[in-house]
Amino acid sequence: MANADPRAREVPRAGRGREAPVVEATRVYQFSAAHRLHNPRFGPAENARIYGRCNNPNGHGHTYRLEVTIRGPVSPETGWVEAGPALDAVVRTQVLRRFDRMTLDHLITHTDGPTSTSEVLVALLWRILDGALPAGRLCHLRLEETPNNFFDLDRDGADGLARPVFTTPADRGQKVSPA
């Protein structure tokens, strides 16, 4: 009977009859971008009420910290997670060159979400990276907007689709400074 767990799959041999371990490897990247939280479907007063100071007409910026985690068997030839060496090149071309020093409002479309929130951005980054990496290798993204705001997205569930898991620093037992 086939195993329904998408993470359970045939694992290449590491040599001498041993199975190659499946590990997760995480790399961290940084990019700066500006945005304005503004939904054109709402009037000025409603946008100001919902988004507060983030609705400033001049926008504001963040230095985002992006953690990209891939999962795969360790290559018996290199000792690295398969697809690991290509990760930096993929993130550089697919994310950093597109988003660093850019205005997110020009890159995020209405089909991505109503406005350029970090929740919408992390889901967009997932779709970009998941399509550029070998199938099923991307397993987790964490986008840090500020030291107090993290947005996590995991490959989870039997269908192998990304499921948003939004957590706050307090949820993870971290001290939270006042806003």
N, C-alpha and C. Protein backbone atom coordinates (compact mmCIF):
# COMPACT_ATOMS: atom_id res chain seq x y z
N MET A 1 0.85 -1.18 0.00
CA MET A 1 0.00 0.00 0.00
C MET A 1 0.89 1.24 0.00
N ALA A 2 0.56 2.21 -0.82
CA ALA A 2 1.36 3.42 -0.94
C ALA A 2 1.18 4.30 0.28
N ASN A 3 2.26 4.95 0.67
CA ASN A 3 2.23 5.86 1.80
C ASN A 3 1.68 7.20 1.33
N ALA A 4 0.69 7.76 2.05
CA ALA A 4 0.06 9.02 1.65
C ALA A 4 0.88 10.23 2.06
N ASP A 5 1.87 10.06 2.90
CA ASP A 5 2.69 11.17 3.37
C ASP A 5 3.61 11.62 2.24
N PRO A 6 3.47 12.90 1.76
CA PRO A 6 4.31 13.34 0.64
C PRO A 6 5.78 13.42 1.01
N ARG A 7 6.11 13.48 2.30
CA ARG A 7 7.51 13.55 2.70
C ARG A 7 8.16 12.18 2.68
N ALA A 8 7.34 11.11 2.67
CA ALA A 8 7.89 9.75 2.60
C ALA A 8 8.07 9.39 1.14
N ARG A 9 9.30 9.20 0.73
CA ARG A 9 9.58 8.88 -0.66
C ARG A 9 10.83 8.02 -0.72
N GLU A 10 11.08 7.48 -1.87
CA GLU A 10 12.28 6.67 -2.06
C GLU A 10 13.50 7.55 -1.84
N VAL A 11 14.41 7.10 -1.02
CA VAL A 11 15.59 7.87 -0.67
C VAL A 11 16.80 7.23 -1.32
N PRO A 12 17.63 8.05 -2.00
CA PRO A 12 18.83 7.48 -2.62
C PRO A 12 19.75 6.86 -1.58
N ARG A 13 20.49 5.88 -1.99
CA ARG A 13 21.44 5.22 -1.10
C ARG A 13 22.68 6.08 -0.92
N ALA A 14 23.19 6.11 0.29
CA ALA A 14 24.38 6.91 0.59
C ALA A 14 25.64 6.12 0.32
N GLY A 15 25.53 4.89 -0.05
CA GLY A 15 26.70 4.04 -0.30
C GLY A 15 26.74 2.92 0.72
N ARG A 16 27.31 1.80 0.30
CA ARG A 16 27.42 0.62 1.16
C ARG A 16 26.07 0.21 1.76
N GLY A 17 24.98 0.39 0.99
CA GLY A 17 23.67 -0.09 1.43
C GLY A 17 22.95 0.83 2.39
N ARG A 18 23.54 1.95 2.76
CA ARG A 18 22.88 2.88 3.69
C ARG A 18 22.01 3.86 2.91
N GLU A 19 20.87 4.25 3.53
CA GLU A 19 20.03 5.27 2.92
C GLU A 19 20.61 6.64 3.22
N ALA A 20 20.52 7.53 2.23
CA ALA A 20 20.95 8.91 2.44
C ALA A 20 19.96 9.59 3.37
N PRO A 21 20.43 10.29 4.39
CA PRO A 21 19.49 10.97 5.28
C PRO A 21 18.80 12.13 4.54
N VAL A 22 17.57 12.36 4.91
CA VAL A 22 16.83 13.51 4.40
C VAL A 22 16.92 14.60 5.45
N VAL A 23 17.46 15.74 5.07
CA VAL A 23 17.64 16.83 6.02
C VAL A 23 17.03 18.12 5.49
N GLU A 24 16.84 19.06 6.39
CA GLU A 24 16.40 20.38 6.02
C GLU A 24 17.58 21.33 6.16
N ALA A 25 17.77 22.17 5.17
CA ALA A 25 18.85 23.16 5.17
C ALA A 25 18.21 24.53 4.99
N THR A 26 18.63 25.48 5.82
CA THR A 26 18.07 26.83 5.78
C THR A 26 19.16 27.83 5.46
N ARG A 27 18.84 28.72 4.53
CA ARG A 27 19.72 29.84 4.20
C ARG A 27 18.95 31.13 4.47
N VAL A 28 19.68 32.18 4.83
CA VAL A 28 19.06 33.46 5.18
C VAL A 28 19.52 34.52 4.19
N TYR A 29 18.57 35.34 3.76
CA TYR A 29 18.82 36.40 2.79
C TYR A 29 18.19 37.69 3.30
N GLN A 30 18.60 38.80 2.73
CA GLN A 30 18.09 40.08 3.15
C GLN A 30 17.85 40.96 1.93
N PHE A 31 16.75 41.70 1.96
CA PHE A 31 16.49 42.68 0.91
C PHE A 31 15.68 43.83 1.50
N SER A 32 15.81 44.98 0.91
CA SER A 32 15.09 46.17 1.35
C SER A 32 14.06 46.55 0.30
N ALA A 33 12.89 46.92 0.78
CA ALA A 33 11.82 47.32 -0.14
C ALA A 33 10.86 48.27 0.57
N ALA A 34 10.18 49.07 -0.22
CA ALA A 34 9.19 50.01 0.30
C ALA A 34 7.80 49.56 -0.11
N HIS A 35 6.82 50.04 0.64
CA HIS A 35 5.43 49.79 0.26
C HIS A 35 4.52 50.73 1.02
N ARG A 36 3.28 50.75 0.59
CA ARG A 36 2.22 51.48 1.27
C ARG A 36 1.05 50.53 1.38
N LEU A 37 0.57 50.31 2.58
CA LEU A 37 -0.61 49.48 2.75
C LEU A 37 -1.84 50.32 2.41
N HIS A 38 -2.43 50.00 1.28
CA HIS A 38 -3.55 50.78 0.77
C HIS A 38 -4.38 49.88 -0.14
N ASN A 39 -5.65 49.78 0.14
CA ASN A 39 -6.55 48.99 -0.70
C ASN A 39 -7.41 49.96 -1.51
N PRO A 40 -7.29 49.96 -2.83
CA PRO A 40 -8.04 50.92 -3.64
C PRO A 40 -9.56 50.75 -3.55
N ARG A 41 -10.01 49.62 -3.04
CA ARG A 41 -11.46 49.41 -2.86
C ARG A 41 -12.01 50.20 -1.69
N PHE A 42 -11.13 50.66 -0.79
CA PHE A 42 -11.56 51.42 0.38
C PHE A 42 -11.30 52.90 0.15
N GLY A 43 -12.08 53.72 0.82
CA GLY A 43 -11.85 55.17 0.80
C GLY A 43 -10.70 55.54 1.71
N PRO A 44 -10.28 56.81 1.67
CA PRO A 44 -9.16 57.26 2.50
C PRO A 44 -9.36 57.01 4.00
N ALA A 45 -10.54 57.29 4.50
CA ALA A 45 -10.79 57.11 5.94
C ALA A 45 -10.71 55.64 6.33
N GLU A 46 -11.26 54.76 5.52
CA GLU A 46 -11.24 53.32 5.82
C GLU A 46 -9.81 52.77 5.74
N ASN A 47 -9.04 53.19 4.73
CA ASN A 47 -7.65 52.78 4.64
C ASN A 47 -6.86 53.25 5.86
N ALA A 48 -7.08 54.50 6.28
CA ALA A 48 -6.38 55.03 7.45
C ALA A 48 -6.78 54.25 8.70
N ARG A 49 -8.05 53.91 8.83
CA ARG A 49 -8.51 53.16 10.00
C ARG A 49 -7.90 51.76 10.04
N ILE A 50 -7.87 51.08 8.90
CA ILE A 50 -7.38 49.69 8.85
C ILE A 50 -5.86 49.64 8.95
N TYR A 51 -5.17 50.45 8.18
CA TYR A 51 -3.72 50.32 8.03
C TYR A 51 -2.92 51.34 8.85
N GLY A 52 -3.59 52.32 9.44
CA GLY A 52 -2.92 53.28 10.31
C GLY A 52 -1.75 53.97 9.62
N ARG A 53 -0.63 54.08 10.36
CA ARG A 53 0.53 54.80 9.82
C ARG A 53 1.14 54.11 8.61
N CYS A 54 0.83 52.85 8.39
CA CYS A 54 1.35 52.13 7.22
C CYS A 54 0.65 52.55 5.93
N ASN A 55 -0.39 53.40 6.06
CA ASN A 55 -1.11 53.92 4.90
C ASN A 55 -0.57 55.29 4.47
N ASN A 56 0.54 55.70 5.00
CA ASN A 56 1.15 56.98 4.65
C ASN A 56 1.29 57.07 3.13
N PRO A 57 0.79 58.14 2.51
CA PRO A 57 0.87 58.26 1.05
C PRO A 57 2.29 58.17 0.49
N ASN A 58 3.31 58.52 1.30
CA ASN A 58 4.70 58.44 0.85
C ASN A 58 5.28 57.05 1.03
N GLY A 59 4.54 56.14 1.64
CA GLY A 59 5.03 54.79 1.86
C GLY A 59 6.05 54.73 2.99
N HIS A 60 6.60 53.56 3.17
CA HIS A 60 7.64 53.33 4.17
C HIS A 60 8.40 52.08 3.75
N GLY A 61 9.53 51.84 4.36
CA GLY A 61 10.35 50.72 3.94
C GLY A 61 10.73 49.79 5.06
N HIS A 62 11.19 48.62 4.67
CA HIS A 62 11.66 47.59 5.60
C HIS A 62 12.91 46.95 5.01
N THR A 63 13.75 46.47 5.89
CA THR A 63 14.81 45.55 5.48
C THR A 63 14.32 44.18 5.88
N TYR A 64 13.86 43.43 4.90
CA TYR A 64 13.27 42.11 5.13
C TYR A 64 14.38 41.07 5.30
N ARG A 65 14.11 40.12 6.16
CA ARG A 65 15.00 38.97 6.35
C ARG A 65 14.20 37.75 5.92
N LEU A 66 14.71 37.02 4.95
CA LEU A 66 14.01 35.87 4.39
C LEU A 66 14.79 34.60 4.69
N GLU A 67 14.16 33.67 5.39
CA GLU A 67 14.74 32.36 5.63
C GLU A 67 14.09 31.38 4.67
N VAL A 68 14.91 30.67 3.91
CA VAL A 68 14.42 29.69 2.94
C VAL A 68 14.94 28.32 3.37
N THR A 69 14.01 27.40 3.62
CA THR A 69 14.38 26.05 4.04
C THR A 69 13.98 25.06 2.95
N ILE A 70 14.96 24.25 2.55
CA ILE A 70 14.69 23.18 1.59
C ILE A 70 14.88 21.85 2.30
N ARG A 71 14.23 20.82 1.80
CA ARG A 71 14.33 19.47 2.36
C ARG A 71 14.69 18.52 1.24
N GLY A 72 15.63 17.63 1.54
CA GLY A 72 15.99 16.64 0.53
C GLY A 72 17.05 15.69 1.04
N PRO A 73 17.33 14.67 0.26
CA PRO A 73 18.36 13.71 0.64
C PRO A 73 19.75 14.34 0.49
N VAL A 74 20.66 13.87 1.32
CA VAL A 74 22.04 14.32 1.24
C VAL A 74 22.69 13.56 0.09
N SER A 75 23.33 14.31 -0.79
CA SER A 75 23.99 13.70 -1.93
C SER A 75 25.22 12.92 -1.47
N PRO A 76 25.34 11.66 -1.88
CA PRO A 76 26.52 10.89 -1.51
C PRO A 76 27.79 11.42 -2.18
N GLU A 77 27.64 12.17 -3.27
CA GLU A 77 28.80 12.72 -3.96
C GLU A 77 29.32 13.99 -3.30
N THR A 78 28.40 14.89 -2.89
CA THR A 78 28.82 16.19 -2.37
C THR A 78 28.68 16.32 -0.86
N GLY A 79 27.79 15.54 -0.26
CA GLY A 79 27.51 15.70 1.16
C GLY A 79 26.54 16.82 1.46
N TRP A 80 26.00 17.46 0.42
CA TRP A 80 25.03 18.54 0.58
C TRP A 80 23.64 18.03 0.25
N VAL A 81 22.63 18.77 0.75
CA VAL A 81 21.26 18.49 0.35
C VAL A 81 21.17 18.71 -1.15
N GLU A 82 20.56 17.78 -1.86
CA GLU A 82 20.38 17.97 -3.29
C GLU A 82 19.63 19.27 -3.52
N ALA A 83 20.03 20.03 -4.48
CA ALA A 83 19.49 21.35 -4.84
C ALA A 83 20.03 22.44 -3.93
N GLY A 84 20.78 22.10 -2.90
CA GLY A 84 21.32 23.11 -2.00
C GLY A 84 22.23 24.11 -2.66
N PRO A 85 23.22 23.67 -3.45
CA PRO A 85 24.13 24.62 -4.09
C PRO A 85 23.41 25.59 -5.03
N ALA A 86 22.31 25.18 -5.61
CA ALA A 86 21.59 26.06 -6.53
C ALA A 86 20.70 27.07 -5.81
N LEU A 87 20.48 26.86 -4.51
CA LEU A 87 19.55 27.72 -3.78
C LEU A 87 19.94 29.19 -3.83
N ASP A 88 21.20 29.51 -3.57
CA ASP A 88 21.62 30.91 -3.59
C ASP A 88 21.36 31.55 -4.95
N ALA A 89 21.67 30.84 -6.01
CA ALA A 89 21.45 31.39 -7.35
C ALA A 89 19.96 31.61 -7.62
N VAL A 90 19.13 30.67 -7.20
CA VAL A 90 17.68 30.81 -7.41
C VAL A 90 17.14 32.00 -6.63
N VAL A 91 17.51 32.12 -5.37
CA VAL A 91 17.01 33.24 -4.56
C VAL A 91 17.54 34.56 -5.11
N ARG A 92 18.79 34.58 -5.51
CA ARG A 92 19.37 35.81 -6.06
C ARG A 92 18.62 36.26 -7.31
N THR A 93 18.37 35.35 -8.24
CA THR A 93 17.73 35.75 -9.50
C THR A 93 16.22 35.92 -9.37
N GLN A 94 15.57 35.08 -8.58
CA GLN A 94 14.11 35.10 -8.51
C GLN A 94 13.55 36.06 -7.45
N VAL A 95 14.33 36.36 -6.42
CA VAL A 95 13.83 37.21 -5.35
C VAL A 95 14.65 38.50 -5.22
N LEU A 96 15.92 38.37 -4.92
CA LEU A 96 16.71 39.57 -4.61
C LEU A 96 16.78 40.55 -5.77
N ARG A 97 17.03 40.08 -6.97
CA ARG A 97 17.11 40.99 -8.13
C ARG A 97 15.77 41.64 -8.44
N ARG A 98 14.69 40.96 -8.12
CA ARG A 98 13.35 41.49 -8.39
C ARG A 98 12.86 42.45 -7.31
N PHE A 99 13.17 42.15 -6.03
CA PHE A 99 12.54 42.86 -4.93
C PHE A 99 13.44 43.83 -4.18
N ASP A 100 14.77 43.65 -4.23
CA ASP A 100 15.65 44.52 -3.45
C ASP A 100 15.61 45.94 -4.00
N ARG A 101 15.39 46.89 -3.10
CA ARG A 101 15.34 48.32 -3.40
C ARG A 101 14.21 48.67 -4.38
N MET A 102 13.14 47.93 -4.25
CA MET A 102 11.98 48.17 -5.12
C MET A 102 10.79 48.61 -4.28
N THR A 103 9.75 49.07 -4.96
CA THR A 103 8.48 49.38 -4.32
C THR A 103 7.56 48.19 -4.53
N LEU A 104 7.21 47.53 -3.45
CA LEU A 104 6.40 46.31 -3.54
C LEU A 104 5.06 46.55 -4.22
N ASP A 105 4.52 47.75 -4.07
CA ASP A 105 3.22 48.05 -4.67
C ASP A 105 3.26 47.94 -6.19
N HIS A 106 4.44 48.04 -6.79
CA HIS A 106 4.58 47.89 -8.24
C HIS A 106 4.78 46.44 -8.65
N LEU A 107 5.09 45.57 -7.68
CA LEU A 107 5.40 44.17 -7.99
C LEU A 107 4.28 43.21 -7.57
N ILE A 108 3.49 43.62 -6.61
CA ILE A 108 2.39 42.78 -6.12
C ILE A 108 1.12 43.22 -6.82
N THR A 109 0.47 42.28 -7.47
CA THR A 109 -0.73 42.61 -8.25
C THR A 109 -1.99 42.26 -7.46
N HIS A 110 -3.13 42.70 -7.96
CA HIS A 110 -4.39 42.40 -7.30
C HIS A 110 -4.67 40.89 -7.26
N THR A 111 -4.06 40.12 -8.16
CA THR A 111 -4.25 38.66 -8.11
C THR A 111 -3.43 38.03 -6.99
N ASP A 112 -2.38 38.73 -6.51
CA ASP A 112 -1.59 38.23 -5.38
C ASP A 112 -2.31 38.49 -4.06
N GLY A 113 -3.00 39.62 -3.96
CA GLY A 113 -3.70 39.98 -2.73
C GLY A 113 -4.16 41.42 -2.80
N PRO A 114 -4.91 41.87 -1.79
CA PRO A 114 -5.50 43.21 -1.86
C PRO A 114 -4.50 44.35 -1.72
N THR A 115 -3.37 44.10 -1.06
CA THR A 115 -2.34 45.12 -0.89
C THR A 115 -1.03 44.43 -0.52
N SER A 116 0.02 45.19 -0.38
CA SER A 116 1.37 44.62 -0.23
C SER A 116 1.73 44.29 1.23
N THR A 117 0.86 43.57 1.91
CA THR A 117 1.18 43.12 3.27
C THR A 117 2.25 42.05 3.22
N SER A 118 2.89 41.81 4.34
CA SER A 118 3.90 40.75 4.39
C SER A 118 3.27 39.38 4.23
N GLU A 119 2.02 39.22 4.64
CA GLU A 119 1.32 37.95 4.42
C GLU A 119 1.18 37.67 2.92
N VAL A 120 0.84 38.69 2.16
CA VAL A 120 0.72 38.54 0.71
C VAL A 120 2.10 38.33 0.10
N LEU A 121 3.10 39.06 0.59
CA LEU A 121 4.46 38.94 0.05
C LEU A 121 5.03 37.55 0.27
N VAL A 122 4.89 36.99 1.47
CA VAL A 122 5.47 35.66 1.72
C VAL A 122 4.80 34.60 0.85
N ALA A 123 3.50 34.73 0.62
CA ALA A 123 2.81 33.77 -0.27
C ALA A 123 3.30 33.91 -1.71
N LEU A 124 3.54 35.14 -2.15
CA LEU A 124 4.08 35.37 -3.49
C LEU A 124 5.50 34.80 -3.61
N LEU A 125 6.34 35.03 -2.61
CA LEU A 125 7.69 34.48 -2.62
C LEU A 125 7.67 32.96 -2.65
N TRP A 126 6.71 32.36 -1.93
CA TRP A 126 6.57 30.89 -1.95
C TRP A 126 6.31 30.42 -3.38
N ARG A 127 5.34 31.04 -4.04
CA ARG A 127 4.99 30.60 -5.40
C ARG A 127 6.19 30.76 -6.35
N ILE A 128 6.92 31.85 -6.21
CA ILE A 128 8.09 32.08 -7.07
C ILE A 128 9.15 31.02 -6.82
N LEU A 129 9.52 30.82 -5.57
CA LEU A 129 10.60 29.88 -5.25
C LEU A 129 10.19 28.43 -5.46
N ASP A 130 8.96 28.09 -5.13
CA ASP A 130 8.51 26.71 -5.30
C ASP A 130 8.52 26.33 -6.78
N GLY A 131 8.24 27.30 -7.65
CA GLY A 131 8.27 27.03 -9.08
C GLY A 131 9.69 26.98 -9.66
N ALA A 132 10.65 27.58 -8.97
CA ALA A 132 12.01 27.64 -9.48
C ALA A 132 12.92 26.54 -8.94
N LEU A 133 12.54 25.94 -7.82
CA LEU A 133 13.35 24.87 -7.22
C LEU A 133 12.83 23.51 -7.67
N PRO A 134 13.63 22.47 -7.53
CA PRO A 134 13.12 21.13 -7.85
C PRO A 134 11.83 20.84 -7.07
N ALA A 135 10.93 20.12 -7.69
CA ALA A 135 9.60 19.84 -7.12
C ALA A 135 9.70 19.30 -5.70
N GLY A 136 8.95 19.94 -4.81
CA GLY A 136 8.84 19.47 -3.44
C GLY A 136 10.01 19.80 -2.54
N ARG A 137 11.05 20.48 -3.03
CA ARG A 137 12.22 20.77 -2.19
C ARG A 137 11.97 21.89 -1.19
N LEU A 138 11.22 22.93 -1.59
CA LEU A 138 10.94 24.04 -0.68
C LEU A 138 10.01 23.54 0.42
N CYS A 139 10.42 23.72 1.67
CA CYS A 139 9.54 23.23 2.74
C CYS A 139 9.14 24.31 3.74
N HIS A 140 9.85 25.44 3.78
CA HIS A 140 9.49 26.49 4.75
C HIS A 140 10.06 27.83 4.31
N LEU A 141 9.26 28.87 4.48
CA LEU A 141 9.72 30.24 4.32
C LEU A 141 9.36 31.00 5.58
N ARG A 142 10.27 31.85 6.01
CA ARG A 142 9.97 32.80 7.08
C ARG A 142 10.40 34.17 6.58
N LEU A 143 9.47 35.11 6.62
CA LEU A 143 9.75 36.48 6.24
C LEU A 143 9.65 37.34 7.49
N GLU A 144 10.75 38.00 7.83
CA GLU A 144 10.77 38.90 8.97
C GLU A 144 10.69 40.32 8.44
N GLU A 145 9.61 40.99 8.82
CA GLU A 145 9.39 42.38 8.40
C GLU A 145 10.06 43.34 9.38
N THR A 146 9.88 43.06 10.66
CA THR A 146 10.50 43.81 11.75
C THR A 146 10.91 42.79 12.81
N PRO A 147 11.66 43.19 13.83
CA PRO A 147 11.99 42.22 14.88
C PRO A 147 10.76 41.64 15.59
N ASN A 148 9.62 42.29 15.46
CA ASN A 148 8.40 41.80 16.11
C ASN A 148 7.39 41.17 15.17
N ASN A 149 7.64 41.16 13.88
CA ASN A 149 6.68 40.63 12.91
C ASN A 149 7.33 39.60 12.01
N PHE A 150 6.92 38.33 12.17
CA PHE A 150 7.40 37.22 11.36
C PHE A 150 6.20 36.61 10.64
N PHE A 151 6.44 36.09 9.45
CA PHE A 151 5.39 35.44 8.68
C PHE A 151 5.96 34.13 8.15
N ASP A 152 5.37 33.01 8.56
CA ASP A 152 5.87 31.68 8.21
C ASP A 152 4.92 31.01 7.24
N LEU A 153 5.49 30.28 6.31
CA LEU A 153 4.71 29.50 5.36
C LEU A 153 5.40 28.15 5.23
N ASP A 154 4.63 27.07 5.41
CA ASP A 154 5.16 25.71 5.39
C ASP A 154 4.49 24.88 4.33
N ARG A 155 5.24 23.91 3.81
CA ARG A 155 4.64 22.87 2.97
C ARG A 155 4.08 21.87 3.97
N ASP A 156 2.77 21.69 3.97
CA ASP A 156 2.17 20.88 5.00
C ASP A 156 0.92 20.20 4.43
N GLY A 157 0.55 19.11 5.01
CA GLY A 157 -0.67 18.44 4.59
C GLY A 157 -0.42 17.40 3.52
N ALA A 158 -1.39 16.55 3.33
CA ALA A 158 -1.25 15.44 2.39
C ALA A 158 -1.14 15.91 0.95
N ASP A 159 -1.71 17.08 0.66
CA ASP A 159 -1.65 17.56 -0.73
C ASP A 159 -0.34 18.26 -1.05
N GLY A 160 0.50 18.49 -0.02
CA GLY A 160 1.80 19.10 -0.26
C GLY A 160 1.76 20.57 -0.60
N LEU A 161 0.61 21.23 -0.39
CA LEU A 161 0.51 22.65 -0.69
C LEU A 161 0.99 23.48 0.49
N ALA A 162 1.36 24.69 0.20
CA ALA A 162 1.80 25.59 1.26
C ALA A 162 0.60 26.01 2.09
N ARG A 163 0.77 26.00 3.39
CA ARG A 163 -0.26 26.43 4.33
C ARG A 163 0.31 27.58 5.15
N PRO A 164 -0.37 28.72 5.20
CA PRO A 164 0.16 29.80 6.01
C PRO A 164 0.08 29.46 7.49
N VAL A 165 1.16 29.74 8.18
CA VAL A 165 1.22 29.56 9.63
C VAL A 165 1.75 30.88 10.16
N PHE A 166 0.86 31.79 10.51
CA PHE A 166 1.27 33.11 10.95
C PHE A 166 1.45 33.08 12.46
N THR A 167 2.63 33.40 12.90
CA THR A 167 2.92 33.41 14.33
C THR A 167 3.51 34.76 14.71
N THR A 168 3.39 35.08 15.97
CA THR A 168 3.98 36.31 16.49
C THR A 168 5.15 35.93 17.37
N PRO A 169 6.05 36.86 17.66
CA PRO A 169 7.15 36.55 18.57
C PRO A 169 6.66 36.04 19.92
N ALA A 170 5.55 36.60 20.43
CA ALA A 170 5.02 36.15 21.72
C ALA A 170 4.58 34.69 21.65
N ASP A 171 4.03 34.26 20.50
CA ASP A 171 3.63 32.86 20.33
C ASP A 171 4.82 31.93 20.46
N ARG A 172 6.01 32.44 20.10
CA ARG A 172 7.22 31.62 20.15
C ARG A 172 8.00 31.82 21.44
N GLY A 173 7.39 32.53 22.42
CA GLY A 173 8.05 32.72 23.71
C GLY A 173 9.08 33.84 23.71
N GLN A 174 9.07 34.68 22.67
CA GLN A 174 10.02 35.78 22.62
C GLN A 174 9.44 37.00 23.31
N LYS A 175 10.30 37.82 23.86
CA LYS A 175 9.85 39.08 24.45
C LYS A 175 9.48 40.03 23.33
N VAL A 176 8.43 40.77 23.55
CA VAL A 176 7.94 41.71 22.54
C VAL A 176 8.10 43.11 23.09
N SER A 177 8.79 43.96 22.33
CA SER A 177 8.93 45.35 22.75
C SER A 177 7.68 46.12 22.39
N PRO A 178 7.38 47.17 23.12
CA PRO A 178 6.18 47.97 22.80
C PRO A 178 6.31 48.60 21.43
N ALA A 179 5.20 48.77 20.76
CA ALA A 179 5.20 49.35 19.41
C ALA A 179 5.56 50.81 19.43
